[in-house]
């Protein structure tokens, strides 16, 4: 009887485990079919991405790596590159014109970027109020950014601030006779900053979108506590906008370092007057395409890239102390 009972138990266990084994086999086959499907989807995705990938490696990554090699060579286009190691970087540190271009660019970045962002926030707050004609004013303020830093805008801007131009004539009515901003070294950099501030549409739209996300309950709570407009701006608006401020600050800082077209046109391609528009990129262009010093220009380009990358890295590392995201307990 004991043997018969054991046989019955073993038979029952076999019957119970048979469907489970079948399910395991089916489950084991599903991942294989799924993995094959994922591989096909990945292959199709890379196939569609292949034109962009080819363009990236052929037109972006390849030239970048080649310029990195040229940064350590003496190359003038007409003769083969000659390896000189860190010679180009040592030459930069001894180049007075290079230092002057660094100074001009840093002034433009450190002064122009905060002023532009302040104008962006101010206009965004004005456009955040619901009133008649708001859509028109939003479009009007955004329109200059659609044009971009084009050659035509730089030509018009140069004509406006030249001797006898509209700005010069308007100031003359108030007894201010400058004689044209373009010819005055002390005024041409403020004119360039003013041009950058005038094209504030894109960051302004981002700030406006950020203002729409600020909960009105926070302003109501601040009003109950007796906070005025300035207190609300400092205690509610700025902290809630800090992620947007960080984003716009990073982008505008990078764009400011890359200024070229307007500076080149307004300075007539020579960095004038008296080198006041000899920005870093303008001097880089002069060394590369006017003096045919491609090796030196490549070293300048990589030095700029490294500096911008370091500034961006520092901004990201320090952002935790002043950028507040929704849900933070700080």
C-alpha atoms as a PDB file:
ATOM      1  CA  UNK A   1       0.000   0.000   0.000  1.00  0.00           C
ATOM      2  CA  UNK A   2       2.841   2.376   0.777  1.00  0.00           C
ATOM      3  CA  UNK A   3       4.357   1.730  -2.627  1.00  0.00           C
ATOM      4  CA  UNK A   4       1.014   2.424  -4.314  1.00  0.00           C
ATOM      5  CA  UNK A   5       0.621   5.672  -2.355  1.00  0.00           C
ATOM      6  CA  UNK A   6       4.094   6.824  -3.364  1.00  0.00           C
ATOM      7  CA  UNK A   7       3.319   6.047  -7.000  1.00  0.00           C
ATOM      8  CA  UNK A   8       0.102   8.071  -6.836  1.00  0.00           C
ATOM      9  CA  UNK A   9       1.936  11.036  -5.280  1.00  0.00           C
ATOM     10  CA  UNK A  10       4.681  10.960  -7.921  1.00  0.00           C
ATOM     11  CA  UNK A  11       2.068  10.740 -10.687  1.00  0.00           C
ATOM     12  CA  UNK A  12       0.212  13.744  -9.241  1.00  0.00           C
ATOM     13  CA  UNK A  13       3.393  15.780  -9.057  1.00  0.00           C
ATOM     14  CA  UNK A  14       4.209  14.891 -12.662  1.00  0.00           C
ATOM     15  CA  UNK A  15       0.729  15.982 -13.793  1.00  0.00           C
ATOM     16  CA  UNK A  16       1.088  19.297 -11.934  1.00  0.00           C
ATOM     17  CA  UNK A  17       4.569  20.067 -13.221  1.00  0.00           C
ATOM     18  CA  UNK A  18       3.814  19.210 -16.871  1.00  0.00           C
ATOM     19  CA  UNK A  19       1.718  22.355 -17.594  1.00  0.00           C
ATOM     20  CA  UNK A  20       4.247  24.458 -15.694  1.00  0.00           C
ATOM     21  CA  UNK A  21       7.081  23.107 -17.852  1.00  0.00           C
ATOM     22  CA  UNK A  22       5.055  23.831 -20.968  1.00  0.00           C
ATOM     23  CA  UNK A  23       4.464  27.396 -19.732  1.00  0.00           C
ATOM     24  CA  UNK A  24       8.166  27.756 -19.000  1.00  0.00           C
ATOM     25  CA  UNK A  25       9.009  26.622 -22.533  1.00  0.00           C
ATOM     26  CA  UNK A  26       6.524  29.096 -23.964  1.00  0.00           C
ATOM     27  CA  UNK A  27       7.856  31.833 -21.685  1.00  0.00           C
ATOM     28  CA  UNK A  28      11.383  30.929 -22.686  1.00  0.00           C
ATOM     29  CA  UNK A  29      10.496  31.335 -26.354  1.00  0.00           C
ATOM     30  CA  UNK A  30       8.826  34.731 -25.900  1.00  0.00           C
ATOM     31  CA  UNK A  31      12.005  36.606 -24.928  1.00  0.00           C
ATOM     32  CA  UNK A  32      13.804  35.139 -27.903  1.00  0.00           C
ATOM     33  CA  UNK A  33      11.073  36.344 -30.252  1.00  0.00           C
ATOM     34  CA  UNK A  34      10.993  39.688 -28.429  1.00  0.00           C
ATOM     35  CA  UNK A  35      14.738  40.108 -28.670  1.00  0.00           C
ATOM     36  CA  UNK A  36      14.638  39.375 -32.399  1.00  0.00           C
ATOM     37  CA  UNK A  37      11.897  41.977 -32.809  1.00  0.00           C
ATOM     38  CA  UNK A  38      13.923  44.539 -30.849  1.00  0.00           C
ATOM     39  CA  UNK A  39      16.995  43.848 -32.961  1.00  0.00           C
ATOM     40  CA  UNK A  40      14.967  44.401 -36.124  1.00  0.00           C
ATOM     41  CA  UNK A  41      13.557  47.636 -34.741  1.00  0.00           C
ATOM     42  CA  UNK A  42      17.029  48.815 -33.742  1.00  0.00           C
ATOM     43  CA  UNK A  43      18.373  47.945 -37.196  1.00  0.00           C
ATOM     44  CA  UNK A  44      15.529  49.903 -38.818  1.00  0.00           C
ATOM     45  CA  UNK A  45      16.211  52.858 -36.507  1.00  0.00           C
ATOM     46  CA  UNK A  46      19.928  52.914 -37.329  1.00  0.00           C
ATOM     47  CA  UNK A  47      19.066  52.630 -41.024  1.00  0.00           C
ATOM     48  CA  UNK A  48      16.933  55.763 -40.835  1.00  0.00           C
ATOM     49  CA  UNK A  49      19.608  57.487 -38.734  1.00  0.00           C
ATOM     50  CA  UNK A  50      22.415  56.556 -41.109  1.00  0.00           C
ATOM     51  CA  UNK A  51      22.256  59.791 -43.207  1.00  0.00           C
ATOM     52  CA  UNK A  52      22.571  61.883 -40.048  1.00  0.00           C
ATOM     53  CA  UNK A  53      25.293  59.633 -38.632  1.00  0.00           C
ATOM     54  CA  UNK A  54      27.273  59.837 -41.866  1.00  0.00           C
ATOM     55  CA  UNK A  55      26.909  63.604 -41.888  1.00  0.00           C
ATOM     56  CA  UNK A  56      27.920  63.842 -38.238  1.00  0.00           C
ATOM     57  CA  UNK A  57      31.081  61.778 -38.603  1.00  0.00           C
ATOM     58  CA  UNK A  58      32.040  63.235 -41.992  1.00  0.00           C
ATOM     59  CA  UNK A  59      31.157  66.907 -41.402  1.00  0.00           C
ATOM     60  CA  UNK A  60      31.379  67.379 -37.620  1.00  0.00           C
ATOM     61  CA  UNK A  61      33.338  64.737 -35.723  1.00  0.00           C
ATOM     62  CA  UNK A  62      35.929  64.246 -38.466  1.00  0.00           C
ATOM     63  CA  UNK A  63      36.799  67.951 -38.895  1.00  0.00           C
ATOM     64  CA  UNK A  64      36.865  68.391 -35.114  1.00  0.00           C
ATOM     65  CA  UNK A  65      39.397  65.617 -34.664  1.00  0.00           C
ATOM     66  CA  UNK A  66      41.459  66.959 -37.554  1.00  0.00           C
ATOM     67  CA  UNK A  67      41.434  70.458 -36.038  1.00  0.00           C
ATOM     68  CA  UNK A  68      42.582  68.936 -32.736  1.00  0.00           C
ATOM     69  CA  UNK A  69      45.561  67.488 -34.591  1.00  0.00           C
ATOM     70  CA  UNK A  70      46.218  70.824 -36.320  1.00  0.00           C
ATOM     71  CA  UNK A  71      46.210  72.594 -32.942  1.00  0.00           C
ATOM     72  CA  UNK A  72      49.571  70.920 -32.248  1.00  0.00           C
ATOM     73  CA  UNK A  73      51.064  71.711 -35.647  1.00  0.00           C
ATOM     74  CA  UNK A  74      52.361  74.618 -37.673  1.00  0.00           C
ATOM     75  CA  UNK A  75      50.026  74.584 -40.680  1.00  0.00           C
ATOM     76  CA  UNK A  76      49.546  77.373 -43.212  1.00  0.00           C
ATOM     77  CA  UNK A  77      47.332  75.510 -45.761  1.00  0.00           C
ATOM     78  CA  UNK A  78      50.013  75.665 -48.455  1.00  0.00           C
ATOM     79  CA  UNK A  79      52.463  73.230 -46.861  1.00  0.00           C
ATOM     80  CA  UNK A  80      52.037  69.978 -44.906  1.00  0.00           C
ATOM     81  CA  UNK A  81      51.407  70.306 -41.140  1.00  0.00           C
ATOM     82  CA  UNK A  82      54.528  70.288 -38.987  1.00  0.00           C
ATOM     83  CA  UNK A  83      54.221  68.951 -35.442  1.00  0.00           C
ATOM     84  CA  UNK A  84      55.219  71.540 -32.821  1.00  0.00           C
ATOM     85  CA  UNK A  85      53.508  70.160 -29.721  1.00  0.00           C
ATOM     86  CA  UNK A  86      52.246  72.870 -27.364  1.00  0.00           C
ATOM     87  CA  UNK A  87      53.886  75.641 -29.364  1.00  0.00           C
ATOM     88  CA  UNK A  88      50.615  77.226 -30.478  1.00  0.00           C
ATOM     89  CA  UNK A  89      49.271  77.356 -26.924  1.00  0.00           C
ATOM     90  CA  UNK A  90      52.496  78.896 -25.639  1.00  0.00           C
ATOM     91  CA  UNK A  91      52.287  81.431 -28.438  1.00  0.00           C
ATOM     92  CA  UNK A  92      48.762  82.402 -27.378  1.00  0.00           C
ATOM     93  CA  UNK A  93      49.924  83.265 -23.883  1.00  0.00           C
ATOM     94  CA  UNK A  94      52.531  85.608 -25.366  1.00  0.00           C
ATOM     95  CA  UNK A  95      50.165  87.191 -27.923  1.00  0.00           C
ATOM     96  CA  UNK A  96      49.001  90.638 -26.754  1.00  0.00           C
ATOM     97  CA  UNK A  97      46.291  90.807 -29.413  1.00  0.00           C
ATOM     98  CA  UNK A  98      44.957  87.438 -28.237  1.00  0.00           C
ATOM     99  CA  UNK A  99      44.743  88.700 -24.668  1.00  0.00           C
ATOM    100  CA  UNK A 100      42.956  91.827 -25.885  1.00  0.00           C
ATOM    101  CA  UNK A 101      40.399  89.701 -27.749  1.00  0.00           C
ATOM    102  CA  UNK A 102      39.862  87.654 -24.589  1.00  0.00           C
ATOM    103  CA  UNK A 103      39.272  90.845 -22.598  1.00  0.00           C
ATOM    104  CA  UNK A 104      36.742  92.218 -25.104  1.00  0.00           C
ATOM    105  CA  UNK A 105      34.880  88.922 -25.287  1.00  0.00           C
ATOM    106  CA  UNK A 106      34.728  88.519 -21.511  1.00  0.00           C
ATOM    107  CA  UNK A 107      33.334  92.044 -21.096  1.00  0.00           C
ATOM    108  CA  UNK A 108      30.711  91.285 -23.709  1.00  0.00           C
ATOM    109  CA  UNK A 109      29.757  88.001 -22.022  1.00  0.00           C
ATOM    110  CA  UNK A 110      29.820  89.195 -18.413  1.00  0.00           C
ATOM    111  CA  UNK A 111      27.980  92.470 -19.077  1.00  0.00           C
ATOM    112  CA  UNK A 112      25.759  91.656 -22.036  1.00  0.00           C
ATOM    113  CA  UNK A 113      24.375  88.308 -20.853  1.00  0.00           C
ATOM    114  CA  UNK A 114      22.964  89.525 -17.498  1.00  0.00           C
ATOM    115  CA  UNK A 115      21.479  92.635 -19.121  1.00  0.00           C
ATOM    116  CA  UNK A 116      19.844  90.533 -21.818  1.00  0.00           C
ATOM    117  CA  UNK A 117      18.401  88.071 -19.294  1.00  0.00           C
ATOM    118  CA  UNK A 118      17.120  90.933 -17.127  1.00  0.00           C
ATOM    119  CA  UNK A 119      15.368  92.412 -20.154  1.00  0.00           C
ATOM    120  CA  UNK A 120      13.962  88.979 -20.988  1.00  0.00           C
ATOM    121  CA  UNK A 121      12.468  88.529 -17.529  1.00  0.00           C
ATOM    122  CA  UNK A 122      11.101  92.077 -17.456  1.00  0.00           C
ATOM    123  CA  UNK A 123       9.342  91.811 -20.805  1.00  0.00           C
ATOM    124  CA  UNK A 124       8.094  88.290 -20.020  1.00  0.00           C
ATOM    125  CA  UNK A 125       6.493  89.550 -16.798  1.00  0.00           C
ATOM    126  CA  UNK A 126       4.822  92.393 -18.673  1.00  0.00           C
ATOM    127  CA  UNK A 127       3.470  90.013 -21.304  1.00  0.00           C
ATOM    128  CA  UNK A 128       2.308  87.565 -18.639  1.00  0.00           C
ATOM    129  CA  UNK A 129      -0.656  89.802 -17.812  1.00  0.00           C
ATOM    130  CA  UNK A 130      -3.836  88.970 -19.662  1.00  0.00           C
ATOM    131  CA  UNK A 131      -4.988  92.000 -21.598  1.00  0.00           C
ATOM    132  CA  UNK A 132      -6.149  92.920 -25.047  1.00  0.00           C
ATOM    133  CA  UNK A 133      -3.412  92.884 -27.661  1.00  0.00           C
ATOM    134  CA  UNK A 134      -1.112  90.588 -25.675  1.00  0.00           C
ATOM    135  CA  UNK A 135      -0.748  88.216 -28.625  1.00  0.00           C
ATOM    136  CA  UNK A 136       0.338  91.068 -30.885  1.00  0.00           C
ATOM    137  CA  UNK A 137       2.967  92.311 -28.450  1.00  0.00           C
ATOM    138  CA  UNK A 138       4.320  88.800 -27.911  1.00  0.00           C
ATOM    139  CA  UNK A 139       4.777  88.397 -31.655  1.00  0.00           C
ATOM    140  CA  UNK A 140       6.319  91.855 -31.981  1.00  0.00           C
ATOM    141  CA  UNK A 141       8.879  91.243 -29.237  1.00  0.00           C
ATOM    142  CA  UNK A 142       9.748  87.828 -30.641  1.00  0.00           C
ATOM    143  CA  UNK A 143      10.168  89.041 -34.242  1.00  0.00           C
ATOM    144  CA  UNK A 144      13.813  90.255 -33.913  1.00  0.00           C
ATOM    145  CA  UNK A 145      14.896  86.768 -32.854  1.00  0.00           C
ATOM    146  CA  UNK A 146      13.487  85.293 -36.047  1.00  0.00           C
ATOM    147  CA  UNK A 147      15.988  87.324 -38.033  1.00  0.00           C
ATOM    148  CA  UNK A 148      18.914  86.137 -35.956  1.00  0.00           C
ATOM    149  CA  UNK A 149      22.464  87.512 -36.028  1.00  0.00           C
ATOM    150  CA  UNK A 150      22.379  87.916 -39.792  1.00  0.00           C
ATOM    151  CA  UNK A 151      24.599  90.036 -41.987  1.00  0.00           C
ATOM    152  CA  UNK A 152      21.675  92.250 -43.009  1.00  0.00           C
ATOM    153  CA  UNK A 153      20.848  93.142 -39.400  1.00  0.00           C
ATOM    154  CA  UNK A 154      24.505  93.996 -38.713  1.00  0.00           C
ATOM    155  CA  UNK A 155      24.581  96.267 -41.779  1.00  0.00           C
ATOM    156  CA  UNK A 156      21.388  98.047 -40.705  1.00  0.00           C
ATOM    157  CA  UNK A 157      22.654  98.369 -37.142  1.00  0.00           C
ATOM    158  CA  UNK A 158      25.932  99.835 -38.362  1.00  0.00           C
ATOM    159  CA  UNK A 159      24.068 102.371 -40.521  1.00  0.00           C
ATOM    160  CA  UNK A 160      21.801 103.345 -37.611  1.00  0.00           C
ATOM    161  CA  UNK A 161      24.719 104.157 -35.305  1.00  0.00           C
ATOM    162  CA  UNK A 162      27.031 105.695 -37.897  1.00  0.00           C
ATOM    163  CA  UNK A 163      27.714 109.411 -38.177  1.00  0.00           C
ATOM    164  CA  UNK A 164      24.544 111.100 -39.414  1.00  0.00           C
ATOM    165  CA  UNK A 165      22.491 107.983 -38.789  1.00  0.00           C
ATOM    166  CA  UNK A 166      19.097 107.920 -37.055  1.00  0.00           C
ATOM    167  CA  UNK A 167      20.568 107.421 -33.580  1.00  0.00           C
ATOM    168  CA  UNK A 168      23.175 110.142 -34.041  1.00  0.00           C
ATOM    169  CA  UNK A 169      20.569 112.559 -35.433  1.00  0.00           C
ATOM    170  CA  UNK A 170      18.147 111.831 -32.579  1.00  0.00           C
ATOM    171  CA  UNK A 171      20.803 112.465 -29.931  1.00  0.00           C
ATOM    172  CA  UNK A 172      21.782 115.697 -31.668  1.00  0.00           C
ATOM    173  CA  UNK A 173      18.286 117.039 -30.982  1.00  0.00           C
ATOM    174  CA  UNK A 174      19.106 116.872 -27.270  1.00  0.00           C
ATOM    175  CA  UNK A 175      22.489 118.511 -27.691  1.00  0.00           C
ATOM    176  CA  UNK A 176      24.424 115.218 -27.571  1.00  0.00           C
ATOM    177  CA  UNK A 177      26.873 115.219 -30.454  1.00  0.00           C
ATOM    178  CA  UNK A 178      28.803 111.959 -30.452  1.00  0.00           C
ATOM    179  CA  UNK A 179      29.608 111.751 -34.126  1.00  0.00           C
ATOM    180  CA  UNK A 180      28.514 108.161 -34.556  1.00  0.00           C
ATOM    181  CA  UNK A 181      28.983 105.243 -32.200  1.00  0.00           C
ATOM    182  CA  UNK A 182      30.703 103.098 -34.816  1.00  0.00           C
ATOM    183  CA  UNK A 183      33.773 105.320 -34.902  1.00  0.00           C
ATOM    184  CA  UNK A 184      34.157 105.632 -31.130  1.00  0.00           C
ATOM    185  CA  UNK A 185      36.072 102.729 -29.533  1.00  0.00           C
ATOM    186  CA  UNK A 186      34.522 103.358 -26.109  1.00  0.00           C
ATOM    187  CA  UNK A 187      30.959 103.182 -27.466  1.00  0.00           C
ATOM    188  CA  UNK A 188      31.082 100.423 -30.038  1.00  0.00           C
ATOM    189  CA  UNK A 189      31.109  97.636 -27.429  1.00  0.00           C
ATOM    190  CA  UNK A 190      27.997  99.039 -25.680  1.00  0.00           C
ATOM    191  CA  UNK A 191      26.413  99.214 -29.129  1.00  0.00           C
ATOM    192  CA  UNK A 192      27.166  95.506 -29.645  1.00  0.00           C
ATOM    193  CA  UNK A 193      25.630  94.694 -26.253  1.00  0.00           C
ATOM    194  CA  UNK A 194      22.561  96.723 -27.190  1.00  0.00           C
ATOM    195  CA  UNK A 195      22.224  94.706 -30.384  1.00  0.00           C
ATOM    196  CA  UNK A 196      22.355  91.468 -28.382  1.00  0.00           C
ATOM    197  CA  UNK A 197      19.734  92.755 -25.928  1.00  0.00           C
ATOM    198  CA  UNK A 198      17.468  93.778 -28.807  1.00  0.00           C
ATOM    199  CA  UNK A 199      17.351  90.159 -29.972  1.00  0.00           C
ATOM    200  CA  UNK A 200      15.915  88.788 -26.735  1.00  0.00           C
ATOM    201  CA  UNK A 201      12.816  87.091 -28.142  1.00  0.00           C
ATOM    202  CA  UNK A 202      13.716  83.410 -27.749  1.00  0.00           C
ATOM    203  CA  UNK A 203      14.747  83.542 -24.049  1.00  0.00           C
ATOM    204  CA  UNK A 204      11.766  85.791 -23.376  1.00  0.00           C
ATOM    205  CA  UNK A 205       9.364  83.136 -24.679  1.00  0.00           C
ATOM    206  CA  UNK A 206      11.013  80.522 -22.437  1.00  0.00           C
ATOM    207  CA  UNK A 207      10.702  82.831 -19.422  1.00  0.00           C
ATOM    208  CA  UNK A 208       7.065  83.469 -20.307  1.00  0.00           C
ATOM    209  CA  UNK A 209       6.401  79.724 -20.397  1.00  0.00           C
ATOM    210  CA  UNK A 210       8.096  79.396 -17.001  1.00  0.00           C
ATOM    211  CA  UNK A 211       5.956  82.165 -15.521  1.00  0.00           C
ATOM    212  CA  UNK A 212       2.832  80.340 -16.662  1.00  0.00           C
ATOM    213  CA  UNK A 213       3.897  77.364 -14.531  1.00  0.00           C
ATOM    214  CA  UNK A 214       4.248  79.320 -11.279  1.00  0.00           C
ATOM    215  CA  UNK A 215       1.287  78.371  -9.016  1.00  0.00           C
ATOM    216  CA  UNK A 216      -0.888  81.365  -8.194  1.00  0.00           C
ATOM    217  CA  UNK A 217      -1.394  79.941  -4.699  1.00  0.00           C
ATOM    218  CA  UNK A 218       2.175  80.963  -3.870  1.00  0.00           C
ATOM    219  CA  UNK A 219       1.452  84.596  -4.725  1.00  0.00           C
ATOM    220  CA  UNK A 220      -1.775  84.458  -2.729  1.00  0.00           C
ATOM    221  CA  UNK A 221       0.067  83.036   0.276  1.00  0.00           C
ATOM    222  CA  UNK A 222       2.715  85.760  -0.052  1.00  0.00           C
ATOM    223  CA  UNK A 223      -0.025  88.401  -0.147  1.00  0.00           C
ATOM    224  CA  UNK A 224      -1.538  87.004   3.057  1.00  0.00           C
ATOM    225  CA  UNK A 225       1.890  87.335   4.682  1.00  0.00           C
ATOM    226  CA  UNK A 226       1.968  90.994   3.633  1.00  0.00           C
ATOM    227  CA  UNK A 227       4.583  90.655   0.873  1.00  0.00           C
ATOM    228  CA  UNK A 228       4.735  93.426  -1.698  1.00  0.00           C
ATOM    229  CA  UNK A 229       5.541  93.156  -5.429  1.00  0.00           C
ATOM    230  CA  UNK A 230       9.318  93.189  -4.918  1.00  0.00           C
ATOM    231  CA  UNK A 231       9.141  90.657  -2.094  1.00  0.00           C
ATOM    232  CA  UNK A 232       6.970  88.382  -4.244  1.00  0.00           C
ATOM    233  CA  UNK A 233       9.452  88.685  -7.095  1.00  0.00           C
ATOM    234  CA  UNK A 234      12.416  87.800  -4.899  1.00  0.00           C
ATOM    235  CA  UNK A 235      10.751  85.101  -2.790  1.00  0.00           C
ATOM    236  CA  UNK A 236       8.408  83.457  -5.295  1.00  0.00           C
ATOM    237  CA  UNK A 237       9.125  84.361  -8.912  1.00  0.00           C
ATOM    238  CA  UNK A 238      12.906  84.028  -8.960  1.00  0.00           C
ATOM    239  CA  UNK A 239      13.085  80.704  -7.046  1.00  0.00           C
ATOM    240  CA  UNK A 240      10.357  79.184  -9.203  1.00  0.00           C
ATOM    241  CA  UNK A 241      12.070  80.466 -12.353  1.00  0.00           C
ATOM    242  CA  UNK A 242      15.549  79.321 -11.298  1.00  0.00           C
ATOM    243  CA  UNK A 243      15.579  76.239 -13.605  1.00  0.00           C
ATOM    244  CA  UNK A 244      14.572  78.433 -16.550  1.00  0.00           C
ATOM    245  CA  UNK A 245      17.125  81.076 -15.548  1.00  0.00           C
ATOM    246  CA  UNK A 246      19.837  78.418 -15.421  1.00  0.00           C
ATOM    247  CA  UNK A 247      18.856  77.102 -18.863  1.00  0.00           C
ATOM    248  CA  UNK A 248      18.778  80.541 -20.504  1.00  0.00           C
ATOM    249  CA  UNK A 249      21.942  81.662 -18.726  1.00  0.00           C
ATOM    250  CA  UNK A 250      23.870  78.650 -20.003  1.00  0.00           C
ATOM    251  CA  UNK A 251      22.649  79.028 -23.594  1.00  0.00           C
ATOM    252  CA  UNK A 252      23.113  82.795 -23.751  1.00  0.00           C
ATOM    253  CA  UNK A 253      26.590  82.525 -22.269  1.00  0.00           C
ATOM    254  CA  UNK A 254      27.598  80.043 -24.964  1.00  0.00           C
ATOM    255  CA  UNK A 255      26.034  82.202 -27.698  1.00  0.00           C
ATOM    256  CA  UNK A 256      27.843  85.283 -26.391  1.00  0.00           C
ATOM    257  CA  UNK A 257      31.213  83.553 -26.615  1.00  0.00           C
ATOM    258  CA  UNK A 258      30.384  82.650 -30.227  1.00  0.00           C
ATOM    259  CA  UNK A 259      29.568  86.168 -31.450  1.00  0.00           C
ATOM    260  CA  UNK A 260      31.009  86.692 -34.927  1.00  0.00           C
ATOM    261  CA  UNK A 261      28.772  87.928 -37.753  1.00  0.00           C
ATOM    262  CA  UNK A 262      27.662  91.222 -36.207  1.00  0.00           C
ATOM    263  CA  UNK A 263      31.142  91.986 -34.823  1.00  0.00           C
ATOM    264  CA  UNK A 264      32.801  91.207 -38.146  1.00  0.00           C
ATOM    265  CA  UNK A 265      30.394  93.376 -40.173  1.00  0.00           C
ATOM    266  CA  UNK A 266      30.279  96.320 -37.785  1.00  0.00           C
ATOM    267  CA  UNK A 267      34.052  96.242 -37.382  1.00  0.00           C
ATOM    268  CA  UNK A 268      34.539  96.040 -41.187  1.00  0.00           C
ATOM    269  CA  UNK A 269      36.362  92.737 -40.795  1.00  0.00           C
ATOM    270  CA  UNK A 270      39.378  94.409 -39.213  1.00  0.00           C
ATOM    271  CA  UNK A 271      38.310  94.520 -35.571  1.00  0.00           C
ATOM    272  CA  UNK A 272      38.098  98.297 -35.705  1.00  0.00           C
ATOM    273  CA  UNK A 273      37.924 100.929 -34.559  1.00  0.00           C
ATOM    274  CA  UNK A 274      41.201 100.563 -32.665  1.00  0.00           C
ATOM    275  CA  UNK A 275      40.537  96.846 -32.132  1.00  0.00           C
ATOM    276  CA  UNK A 276      37.303  97.482 -30.182  1.00  0.00           C
ATOM    277  CA  UNK A 277      35.403  94.781 -32.136  1.00  0.00           C
ATOM    278  CA  UNK A 278      38.274  92.320 -32.237  1.00  0.00           C
ATOM    279  CA  UNK A 279      36.297  89.603 -30.459  1.00  0.00           C
ATOM    280  CA  UNK A 280      37.797  86.177 -29.911  1.00  0.00           C
ATOM    281  CA  UNK A 281      36.076  84.603 -32.912  1.00  0.00           C
ATOM    282  CA  UNK A 282      36.947  87.580 -35.138  1.00  0.00           C
ATOM    283  CA  UNK A 283      40.609  87.277 -34.220  1.00  0.00           C
ATOM    284  CA  UNK A 284      40.413  83.512 -34.755  1.00  0.00           C
ATOM    285  CA  UNK A 285      38.950  84.069 -38.222  1.00  0.00           C
ATOM    286  CA  UNK A 286      41.665  86.600 -39.041  1.00  0.00           C
ATOM    287  CA  UNK A 287      44.410  84.185 -38.053  1.00  0.00           C
ATOM    288  CA  UNK A 288      42.850  81.308 -39.971  1.00  0.00           C
ATOM    289  CA  UNK A 289      41.689  82.858 -43.236  1.00  0.00           C
ATOM    290  CA  UNK A 290      43.548  86.160 -43.507  1.00  0.00           C
ATOM    291  CA  UNK A 291      46.947  85.072 -42.205  1.00  0.00           C
ATOM    292  CA  UNK A 292      46.528  81.402 -43.219  1.00  0.00           C
ATOM    293  CA  UNK A 293      47.644  80.231 -39.772  1.00  0.00           C
ATOM    294  CA  UNK A 294      45.340  77.246 -39.459  1.00  0.00           C
ATOM    295  CA  UNK A 295      47.361  75.541 -36.744  1.00  0.00           C
ATOM    296  CA  UNK A 296      47.305  78.608 -34.501  1.00  0.00           C
ATOM    297  CA  UNK A 297      43.607  79.199 -35.208  1.00  0.00           C
ATOM    298  CA  UNK A 298      42.794  75.571 -34.363  1.00  0.00           C
ATOM    299  CA  UNK A 299      44.584  75.944 -31.038  1.00  0.00           C
ATOM    300  CA  UNK A 300      42.547  79.091 -30.357  1.00  0.00           C
ATOM    301  CA  UNK A 301      39.329  77.259 -31.187  1.00  0.00           C
ATOM    302  CA  UNK A 302      40.098  74.383 -28.837  1.00  0.00           C
ATOM    303  CA  UNK A 303      41.127  76.782 -26.077  1.00  0.00           C
ATOM    304  CA  UNK A 304      37.739  78.481 -26.413  1.00  0.00           C
ATOM    305  CA  UNK A 305      35.967  75.123 -26.355  1.00  0.00           C
ATOM    306  CA  UNK A 306      37.792  74.060 -23.198  1.00  0.00           C
ATOM    307  CA  UNK A 307      37.033  77.340 -21.417  1.00  0.00           C
ATOM    308  CA  UNK A 308      33.330  77.229 -22.305  1.00  0.00           C
ATOM    309  CA  UNK A 309      33.149  73.578 -21.242  1.00  0.00           C
ATOM    310  CA  UNK A 310      34.772  74.399 -17.898  1.00  0.00           C
ATOM    311  CA  UNK A 311      32.365  77.273 -17.281  1.00  0.00           C
ATOM    312  CA  UNK A 312      29.417  75.023 -18.119  1.00  0.00           C
ATOM    313  CA  UNK A 313      30.785  72.330 -15.805  1.00  0.00           C
ATOM    314  CA  UNK A 314      31.132  74.825 -12.949  1.00  0.00           C
ATOM    315  CA  UNK A 315      27.603  76.077 -13.549  1.00  0.00           C
ATOM    316  CA  UNK A 316      26.212  72.551 -13.378  1.00  0.00           C
ATOM    317  CA  UNK A 317      28.218  71.725 -10.248  1.00  0.00           C
ATOM    318  CA  UNK A 318      27.057  74.863  -8.434  1.00  0.00           C
ATOM    319  CA  UNK A 319      23.457  74.770  -9.673  1.00  0.00           C
ATOM    320  CA  UNK A 320      22.311  72.727  -6.660  1.00  0.00           C
ATOM    321  CA  UNK A 321      22.873  75.745  -4.424  1.00  0.00           C
ATOM    322  CA  UNK A 322      20.583  78.126  -6.320  1.00  0.00           C
ATOM    323  CA  UNK A 323      18.421  76.149  -8.768  1.00  0.00           C
ATOM    324  CA  UNK A 324      15.234  74.885  -7.130  1.00  0.00           C
ATOM    325  CA  UNK A 325      13.014  72.329  -8.835  1.00  0.00           C
ATOM    326  CA  UNK A 326       9.419  71.500  -8.047  1.00  0.00           C
ATOM    327  CA  UNK A 327       9.196  69.068  -5.165  1.00  0.00           C
ATOM    328  CA  UNK A 328      12.511  70.068  -3.569  1.00  0.00           C
ATOM    329  CA  UNK A 329      12.450  70.492   0.184  1.00  0.00           C
ATOM    330  CA  UNK A 330      15.100  73.185   0.178  1.00  0.00           C
END
